[in-house]
Amino acid sequence: MQIAHSSNADKLVTRGIGIAIFPASVAKNISPDSSVLIKKIEPAVRVGYLLSWDRAHTPGRLASKFIEHVREQLDGTF
């Protein structure tokens, strides 16, 4: 099952309906009062990205900003 928001996952897990796996950056949104146990997965999981667009068309302003954001996050390694 896929859930769009971590608070929904928290509610389901609290009720004993499965487990949730999401980035550590999302775990900080789980209330400290929650009965959910948060465990860090070791070793860390790495994710790769692939961005593609039609060579015949220059990406629009918003797409260009997104591409630049991704480049900054990856330290310009692509």
PDB file of N, CA and C in Angstrom:
ATOM      1  N   MET A   1       0.839  -1.165   0.000  1.00  0.00           N
ATOM      2  CA  MET A   1       0.000   0.000   0.000  1.00  0.00           C
ATOM      3  C   MET A   1       0.893   1.240   0.000  1.00  0.00           C
ATOM      4  N   GLN A   2       0.503   2.258  -0.733  1.00  0.00           N
ATOM      5  CA  GLN A   2       1.221   3.521  -0.724  1.00  0.00           C
ATOM      6  C   GLN A   2       0.347   4.581  -0.082  1.00  0.00           C
ATOM      7  N   ILE A   3       0.970   5.380   0.770  1.00  0.00           N
ATOM      8  CA  ILE A   3       0.249   6.454   1.463  1.00  0.00           C
ATOM      9  C   ILE A   3       1.000   7.751   1.215  1.00  0.00           C
ATOM     10  N   ALA A   4       0.246   8.803   0.943  1.00  0.00           N
ATOM     11  CA  ALA A   4       0.861  10.070   0.562  1.00  0.00           C
ATOM     12  C   ALA A   4       1.373  10.894   1.735  1.00  0.00           C
ATOM     13  N   HIS A   5       0.931  10.619   2.938  1.00  0.00           N
ATOM     14  CA  HIS A   5       1.334  11.478   4.054  1.00  0.00           C
ATOM     15  C   HIS A   5       1.765  10.641   5.256  1.00  0.00           C
ATOM     16  N   SER A   6       2.852  11.073   5.892  1.00  0.00           N
ATOM     17  CA  SER A   6       3.403  10.309   7.017  1.00  0.00           C
ATOM     18  C   SER A   6       2.446  10.221   8.196  1.00  0.00           C
ATOM     19  N   SER A   7       1.600  11.230   8.394  1.00  0.00           N
ATOM     20  CA  SER A   7       0.678  11.155   9.536  1.00  0.00           C
ATOM     21  C   SER A   7      -0.346  10.038   9.337  1.00  0.00           C
ATOM     22  N   ASN A   8      -0.724   9.761   8.084  1.00  0.00           N
ATOM     23  CA  ASN A   8      -1.623   8.641   7.818  1.00  0.00           C
ATOM     24  C   ASN A   8      -0.926   7.319   8.125  1.00  0.00           C
ATOM     25  N   ALA A   9       0.334   7.221   7.747  1.00  0.00           N
ATOM     26  CA  ALA A   9       1.109   6.009   8.035  1.00  0.00           C
ATOM     27  C   ALA A   9       1.226   5.821   9.546  1.00  0.00           C
ATOM     28  N   ASP A  10       1.486   6.899  10.256  1.00  0.00           N
ATOM     29  CA  ASP A  10       1.585   6.849  11.716  1.00  0.00           C
ATOM     30  C   ASP A  10       0.301   6.305  12.321  1.00  0.00           C
ATOM     31  N   LYS A  11      -0.840   6.778  11.849  1.00  0.00           N
ATOM     32  CA  LYS A  11      -2.127   6.323  12.386  1.00  0.00           C
ATOM     33  C   LYS A  11      -2.373   4.854  12.105  1.00  0.00           C
ATOM     34  N   LEU A  12      -2.039   4.401  10.896  1.00  0.00           N
ATOM     35  CA  LEU A  12      -2.230   2.989  10.567  1.00  0.00           C
ATOM     36  C   LEU A  12      -1.306   2.093  11.380  1.00  0.00           C
ATOM     37  N   VAL A  13      -0.038   2.477  11.488  1.00  0.00           N
ATOM     38  CA  VAL A  13       0.928   1.682  12.255  1.00  0.00           C
ATOM     39  C   VAL A  13       0.518   1.630  13.716  1.00  0.00           C
ATOM     40  N   THR A  14       0.053   2.749  14.260  1.00  0.00           N
ATOM     41  CA  THR A  14      -0.402   2.793  15.649  1.00  0.00           C
ATOM     42  C   THR A  14      -1.531   1.804  15.891  1.00  0.00           C
ATOM     43  N   ARG A  15      -2.358   1.587  14.882  1.00  0.00           N
ATOM     44  CA  ARG A  15      -3.486   0.656  15.006  1.00  0.00           C
ATOM     45  C   ARG A  15      -3.094  -0.780  14.640  1.00  0.00           C
ATOM     46  N   GLY A  16      -1.802  -1.000  14.415  1.00  0.00           N
ATOM     47  CA  GLY A  16      -1.324  -2.349  14.130  1.00  0.00           C
ATOM     48  C   GLY A  16      -1.558  -2.804  12.702  1.00  0.00           C
ATOM     49  N   ILE A  17      -1.758  -1.848  11.800  1.00  0.00           N
ATOM     50  CA  ILE A  17      -1.998  -2.192  10.396  1.00  0.00           C
ATOM     51  C   ILE A  17      -0.702  -1.956   9.622  1.00  0.00           C
ATOM     52  N   GLY A  18       0.205  -2.910   9.667  1.00  0.00           N
ATOM     53  CA  GLY A  18       1.430  -2.859   8.877  1.00  0.00           C
ATOM     54  C   GLY A  18       2.564  -2.068   9.479  1.00  0.00           C
ATOM     55  N   ILE A  19       3.520  -1.754   8.594  1.00  0.00           N
ATOM     56  CA  ILE A  19       4.700  -0.969   8.950  1.00  0.00           C
ATOM     57  C   ILE A  19       4.814   0.156   7.933  1.00  0.00           C
ATOM     58  N   ALA A  20       5.660   1.114   8.216  1.00  0.00           N
ATOM     59  CA  ALA A  20       5.894   2.217   7.284  1.00  0.00           C
ATOM     60  C   ALA A  20       7.390   2.386   7.091  1.00  0.00           C
ATOM     61  N   ILE A  21       7.784   2.619   5.876  1.00  0.00           N
ATOM     62  CA  ILE A  21       9.187   2.886   5.557  1.00  0.00           C
ATOM     63  C   ILE A  21       9.217   4.205   4.794  1.00  0.00           C
ATOM     64  N   PHE A  22       9.960   5.159   5.323  1.00  0.00           N
ATOM     65  CA  PHE A  22      10.079   6.446   4.648  1.00  0.00           C
ATOM     66  C   PHE A  22      11.384   7.108   5.040  1.00  0.00           C
ATOM     67  N   PRO A  23      11.780   8.172   4.327  1.00  0.00           N
ATOM     68  CA  PRO A  23      13.062   8.832   4.620  1.00  0.00           C
ATOM     69  C   PRO A  23      13.117   9.369   6.046  1.00  0.00           C
ATOM     70  N   ALA A  24      14.317   9.409   6.596  1.00  0.00           N
ATOM     71  CA  ALA A  24      14.521   9.909   7.962  1.00  0.00           C
ATOM     72  C   ALA A  24      14.017  11.342   8.099  1.00  0.00           C
ATOM     73  N   SER A  25      14.081  12.118   7.029  1.00  0.00           N
ATOM     74  CA  SER A  25      13.614  13.500   7.088  1.00  0.00           C
ATOM     75  C   SER A  25      12.123  13.576   7.408  1.00  0.00           C
ATOM     76  N   VAL A  26      11.377  12.516   7.101  1.00  0.00           N
ATOM     77  CA  VAL A  26       9.945  12.476   7.393  1.00  0.00           C
ATOM     78  C   VAL A  26       9.703  12.019   8.823  1.00  0.00           C
ATOM     79  N   ALA A  27      10.585  11.207   9.368  1.00  0.00           N
ATOM     80  CA  ALA A  27      10.413  10.672  10.729  1.00  0.00           C
ATOM     81  C   ALA A  27      10.322  11.779  11.761  1.00  0.00           C
ATOM     82  N   LYS A  28      10.958  12.905  11.502  1.00  0.00           N
ATOM     83  CA  LYS A  28      10.905  14.015  12.460  1.00  0.00           C
ATOM     84  C   LYS A  28       9.495  14.587  12.592  1.00  0.00           C
ATOM     85  N   ASN A  29       8.609  14.266  11.638  1.00  0.00           N
ATOM     86  CA  ASN A  29       7.230  14.747  11.693  1.00  0.00           C
ATOM     87  C   ASN A  29       6.325  13.868  12.555  1.00  0.00           C
ATOM     88  N   ILE A  30       6.818  12.701  12.966  1.00  0.00           N
ATOM     89  CA  ILE A  30       6.035  11.803  13.820  1.00  0.00           C
ATOM     90  C   ILE A  30       6.084  12.353  15.251  1.00  0.00           C
ATOM     91  N   SER A  31       4.933  12.470  15.852  1.00  0.00           N
ATOM     92  CA  SER A  31       4.825  13.035  17.194  1.00  0.00           C
ATOM     93  C   SER A  31       5.628  12.216  18.205  1.00  0.00           C
ATOM     94  N   PRO A  32       6.324  12.887  19.108  1.00  0.00           N
ATOM     95  CA  PRO A  32       7.051  12.167  20.156  1.00  0.00           C
ATOM     96  C   PRO A  32       6.099  11.391  21.077  1.00  0.00           C
ATOM     97  N   ASP A  33       4.823  11.770  21.086  1.00  0.00           N
ATOM     98  CA  ASP A  33       3.815  11.085  21.901  1.00  0.00           C
ATOM     99  C   ASP A  33       3.293   9.821  21.223  1.00  0.00           C
ATOM    100  N   SER A  34       3.691   9.597  19.970  1.00  0.00           N
ATOM    101  CA  SER A  34       3.226   8.430  19.228  1.00  0.00           C
ATOM    102  C   SER A  34       3.785   7.153  19.833  1.00  0.00           C
ATOM    103  N   SER A  35       3.024   6.076  19.731  1.00  0.00           N
ATOM    104  CA  SER A  35       3.494   4.784  20.229  1.00  0.00           C
ATOM    105  C   SER A  35       4.319   4.049  19.168  1.00  0.00           C
ATOM    106  N   VAL A  36       4.542   4.696  18.032  1.00  0.00           N
ATOM    107  CA  VAL A  36       5.291   4.098  16.934  1.00  0.00           C
ATOM    108  C   VAL A  36       6.784   4.095  17.262  1.00  0.00           C
ATOM    109  N   LEU A  37       7.429   2.968  17.046  1.00  0.00           N
ATOM    110  CA  LEU A  37       8.870   2.839  17.242  1.00  0.00           C
ATOM    111  C   LEU A  37       9.557   3.171  15.924  1.00  0.00           C
ATOM    112  N   ILE A  38      10.501   4.081  15.967  1.00  0.00           N
ATOM    113  CA  ILE A  38      11.236   4.480  14.757  1.00  0.00           C
ATOM    114  C   ILE A  38      12.631   3.883  14.823  1.00  0.00           C
ATOM    115  N   LYS A  39      13.002   3.133  13.782  1.00  0.00           N
ATOM    116  CA  LYS A  39      14.327   2.513  13.707  1.00  0.00           C
ATOM    117  C   LYS A  39      15.011   2.966  12.434  1.00  0.00           C
ATOM    118  N   LYS A  40      16.278   3.278  12.553  1.00  0.00           N
ATOM    119  CA  LYS A  40      17.073   3.672  11.400  1.00  0.00           C
ATOM    120  C   LYS A  40      17.579   2.411  10.710  1.00  0.00           C
ATOM    121  N   ILE A  41      17.454   2.364   9.388  1.00  0.00           N
ATOM    122  CA  ILE A  41      17.919   1.216   8.614  1.00  0.00           C
ATOM    123  C   ILE A  41      19.401   1.403   8.298  1.00  0.00           C
ATOM    124  N   GLU A  42      20.192   0.424   8.639  1.00  0.00           N
ATOM    125  CA  GLU A  42      21.630   0.446   8.352  1.00  0.00           C
ATOM    126  C   GLU A  42      21.972  -0.748   7.480  1.00  0.00           C
ATOM    127  N   PRO A  43      22.797  -0.633   6.505  1.00  0.00           N
ATOM    128  CA  PRO A  43      23.441   0.593   6.044  1.00  0.00           C
ATOM    129  C   PRO A  43      22.429   1.486   5.332  1.00  0.00           C
ATOM    130  N   ALA A  44      22.786   2.745   5.210  1.00  0.00           N
ATOM    131  CA  ALA A  44      21.906   3.716   4.561  1.00  0.00           C
ATOM    132  C   ALA A  44      21.613   3.290   3.123  1.00  0.00           C
ATOM    133  N   VAL A  45      20.407   3.548   2.688  1.00  0.00           N
ATOM    134  CA  VAL A  45      19.993   3.216   1.329  1.00  0.00           C
ATOM    135  C   VAL A  45      20.227   4.429   0.439  1.00  0.00           C
ATOM    136  N   ARG A  46      20.884   4.227  -0.673  1.00  0.00           N
ATOM    137  CA  ARG A  46      21.148   5.312  -1.622  1.00  0.00           C
ATOM    138  C   ARG A  46      20.139   5.235  -2.763  1.00  0.00           C
ATOM    139  N   VAL A  47      19.755   6.388  -3.264  1.00  0.00           N
ATOM    140  CA  VAL A  47      18.785   6.470  -4.351  1.00  0.00           C
ATOM    141  C   VAL A  47      19.407   7.218  -5.519  1.00  0.00           C
ATOM    142  N   GLY A  48      19.195   6.707  -6.715  1.00  0.00           N
ATOM    143  CA  GLY A  48      19.691   7.385  -7.909  1.00  0.00           C
ATOM    144  C   GLY A  48      18.558   8.109  -8.614  1.00  0.00           C
ATOM    145  N   TYR A  49      18.905   9.123  -9.358  1.00  0.00           N
ATOM    146  CA  TYR A  49      17.913   9.906 -10.096  1.00  0.00           C
ATOM    147  C   TYR A  49      18.241   9.890 -11.579  1.00  0.00           C
ATOM    148  N   LEU A  50      17.217   9.981 -12.378  1.00  0.00           N
ATOM    149  CA  LEU A  50      17.375  10.117 -13.817  1.00  0.00           C
ATOM    150  C   LEU A  50      16.441  11.222 -14.266  1.00  0.00           C
ATOM    151  N   LEU A  51      17.010  12.270 -14.814  1.00  0.00           N
ATOM    152  CA  LEU A  51      16.206  13.353 -15.369  1.00  0.00           C
ATOM    153  C   LEU A  51      16.388  13.326 -16.881  1.00  0.00           C
ATOM    154  N   SER A  52      15.300  13.433 -17.598  1.00  0.00           N
ATOM    155  CA  SER A  52      15.405  13.431 -19.059  1.00  0.00           C
ATOM    156  C   SER A  52      14.395  14.400 -19.645  1.00  0.00           C
ATOM    157  N   TRP A  53      14.728  14.935 -20.800  1.00  0.00           N
ATOM    158  CA  TRP A  53      13.812  15.807 -21.514  1.00  0.00           C
ATOM    159  C   TRP A  53      14.155  15.763 -22.993  1.00  0.00           C
ATOM    160  N   ASP A  54      13.233  16.220 -23.790  1.00  0.00           N
ATOM    161  CA  ASP A  54      13.384  16.215 -25.250  1.00  0.00           C
ATOM    162  C   ASP A  54      14.442  17.235 -25.654  1.00  0.00           C
ATOM    163  N   ARG A  55      15.476  16.785 -26.364  1.00  0.00           N
ATOM    164  CA  ARG A  55      16.552  17.671 -26.797  1.00  0.00           C
ATOM    165  C   ARG A  55      16.060  18.819 -27.673  1.00  0.00           C
ATOM    166  N   ALA A  56      14.987  18.574 -28.385  1.00  0.00           N
ATOM    167  CA  ALA A  56      14.471  19.580 -29.317  1.00  0.00           C
ATOM    168  C   ALA A  56      13.737  20.712 -28.587  1.00  0.00           C
ATOM    169  N   HIS A  57      13.471  20.542 -27.294  1.00  0.00           N
ATOM    170  CA  HIS A  57      12.757  21.567 -26.537  1.00  0.00           C
ATOM    171  C   HIS A  57      13.532  21.939 -25.280  1.00  0.00           C
ATOM    172  N   THR A  58      13.750  23.214 -25.105  1.00  0.00           N
ATOM    173  CA  THR A  58      14.409  23.694 -23.896  1.00  0.00           C
ATOM    174  C   THR A  58      13.424  23.590 -22.733  1.00  0.00           C
ATOM    175  N   PRO A  59      13.867  23.052 -21.587  1.00  0.00           N
ATOM    176  CA  PRO A  59      12.954  22.974 -20.436  1.00  0.00           C
ATOM    177  C   PRO A  59      12.447  24.368 -20.062  1.00  0.00           C
ATOM    178  N   GLY A  60      11.213  24.433 -19.615  1.00  0.00           N
ATOM    179  CA  GLY A  60      10.630  25.702 -19.192  1.00  0.00           C
ATOM    180  C   GLY A  60      11.279  26.231 -17.925  1.00  0.00           C
ATOM    181  N   ARG A  61      10.824  27.394 -17.503  1.00  0.00           N
ATOM    182  CA  ARG A  61      11.424  28.055 -16.337  1.00  0.00           C
ATOM    183  C   ARG A  61      11.314  27.202 -15.072  1.00  0.00           C
ATOM    184  N   LEU A  62      10.134  26.664 -14.817  1.00  0.00           N
ATOM    185  CA  LEU A  62       9.944  25.847 -13.615  1.00  0.00           C
ATOM    186  C   LEU A  62      10.781  24.570 -13.674  1.00  0.00           C
ATOM    187  N   ALA A  63      10.784  23.904 -14.829  1.00  0.00           N
ATOM    188  CA  ALA A  63      11.590  22.685 -14.987  1.00  0.00           C
ATOM    189  C   ALA A  63      13.069  23.005 -14.815  1.00  0.00           C
ATOM    190  N   SER A  64      13.511  24.127 -15.353  1.00  0.00           N
ATOM    191  CA  SER A  64      14.923  24.528 -15.217  1.00  0.00           C
ATOM    192  C   SER A  64      15.280  24.774 -13.760  1.00  0.00           C
ATOM    193  N   LYS A  65      14.372  25.389 -13.005  1.00  0.00           N
ATOM    194  CA  LYS A  65      14.624  25.614 -11.575  1.00  0.00           C
ATOM    195  C   LYS A  65      14.722  24.283 -10.836  1.00  0.00           C
ATOM    196  N   PHE A  66      13.859  23.323 -11.199  1.00  0.00           N
ATOM    197  CA  PHE A  66      13.904  22.006 -10.568  1.00  0.00           C
ATOM    198  C   PHE A  66      15.224  21.310 -10.880  1.00  0.00           C
ATOM    199  N   ILE A  67      15.652  21.354 -12.137  1.00  0.00           N
ATOM    200  CA  ILE A  67      16.921  20.729 -12.536  1.00  0.00           C
ATOM    201  C   ILE A  67      18.066  21.354 -11.753  1.00  0.00           C
ATOM    202  N   GLU A  68      18.063  22.664 -11.612  1.00  0.00           N
ATOM    203  CA  GLU A  68      19.118  23.339 -10.862  1.00  0.00           C
ATOM    204  C   GLU A  68      19.073  22.928  -9.393  1.00  0.00           C
ATOM    205  N   HIS A  69      17.896  22.797  -8.830  1.00  0.00           N
ATOM    206  CA  HIS A  69      17.760  22.357  -7.428  1.00  0.00           C
ATOM    207  C   HIS A  69      18.366  20.966  -7.253  1.00  0.00           C
ATOM    208  N   VAL A  70      18.048  20.049  -8.157  1.00  0.00           N
ATOM    209  CA  VAL A  70      18.587  18.689  -8.074  1.00  0.00           C
ATOM    210  C   VAL A  70      20.102  18.729  -8.195  1.00  0.00           C
ATOM    211  N   ARG A  71      20.605  19.520  -9.115  1.00  0.00           N
ATOM    212  CA  ARG A  71      22.074  19.635  -9.271  1.00  0.00           C
ATOM    213  C   ARG A  71      22.726  20.121  -7.977  1.00  0.00           C
ATOM    214  N   GLU A  72      22.122  21.109  -7.330  1.00  0.00           N
ATOM    215  CA  GLU A  72      22.665  21.630  -6.077  1.00  0.00           C
ATOM    216  C   GLU A  72      22.655  20.547  -4.991  1.00  0.00           C
ATOM    217  N   GLN A  73      21.580  19.778  -4.925  1.00  0.00           N
ATOM    218  CA  GLN A  73      21.478  18.725  -3.916  1.00  0.00           C
ATOM    219  C   GLN A  73      22.522  17.634  -4.147  1.00  0.00           C
ATOM    220  N   LEU A  74      22.869  17.409  -5.408  1.00  0.00           N
ATOM    221  CA  LEU A  74      23.851  16.374  -5.743  1.00  0.00           C
ATOM    222  C   LEU A  74      25.251  16.961  -5.879  1.00  0.00           C
ATOM    223  N   ASP A  75      25.439  18.180  -5.415  1.00  0.00           N
ATOM    224  CA  ASP A  75      26.741  18.859  -5.493  1.00  0.00           C
ATOM    225  C   ASP A  75      27.253  18.937  -6.910  1.00  0.00           C
ATOM    226  N   GLY A  76      26.360  19.084  -7.884  1.00  0.00           N
ATOM    227  CA  GLY A  76      26.765  19.254  -9.276  1.00  0.00           C
ATOM    228  C   GLY A  76      27.404  18.022  -9.877  1.00  0.00           C
ATOM    229  N   THR A  77      27.108  16.834  -9.352  1.00  0.00           N
ATOM    230  CA  THR A  77      27.765  15.624  -9.862  1.00  0.00           C
ATOM    231  C   THR A  77      27.102  15.062 -11.118  1.00  0.00           C
ATOM    232  N   PHE A  78      26.150  15.787 -11.676  1.00  0.00           N
ATOM    233  CA  PHE A  78      25.602  15.289 -12.946  1.00  0.00           C
ATOM    234  C   PHE A  78      25.513  16.399 -13.941  1.00  0.00           C
TER     235      PHE A  78
END
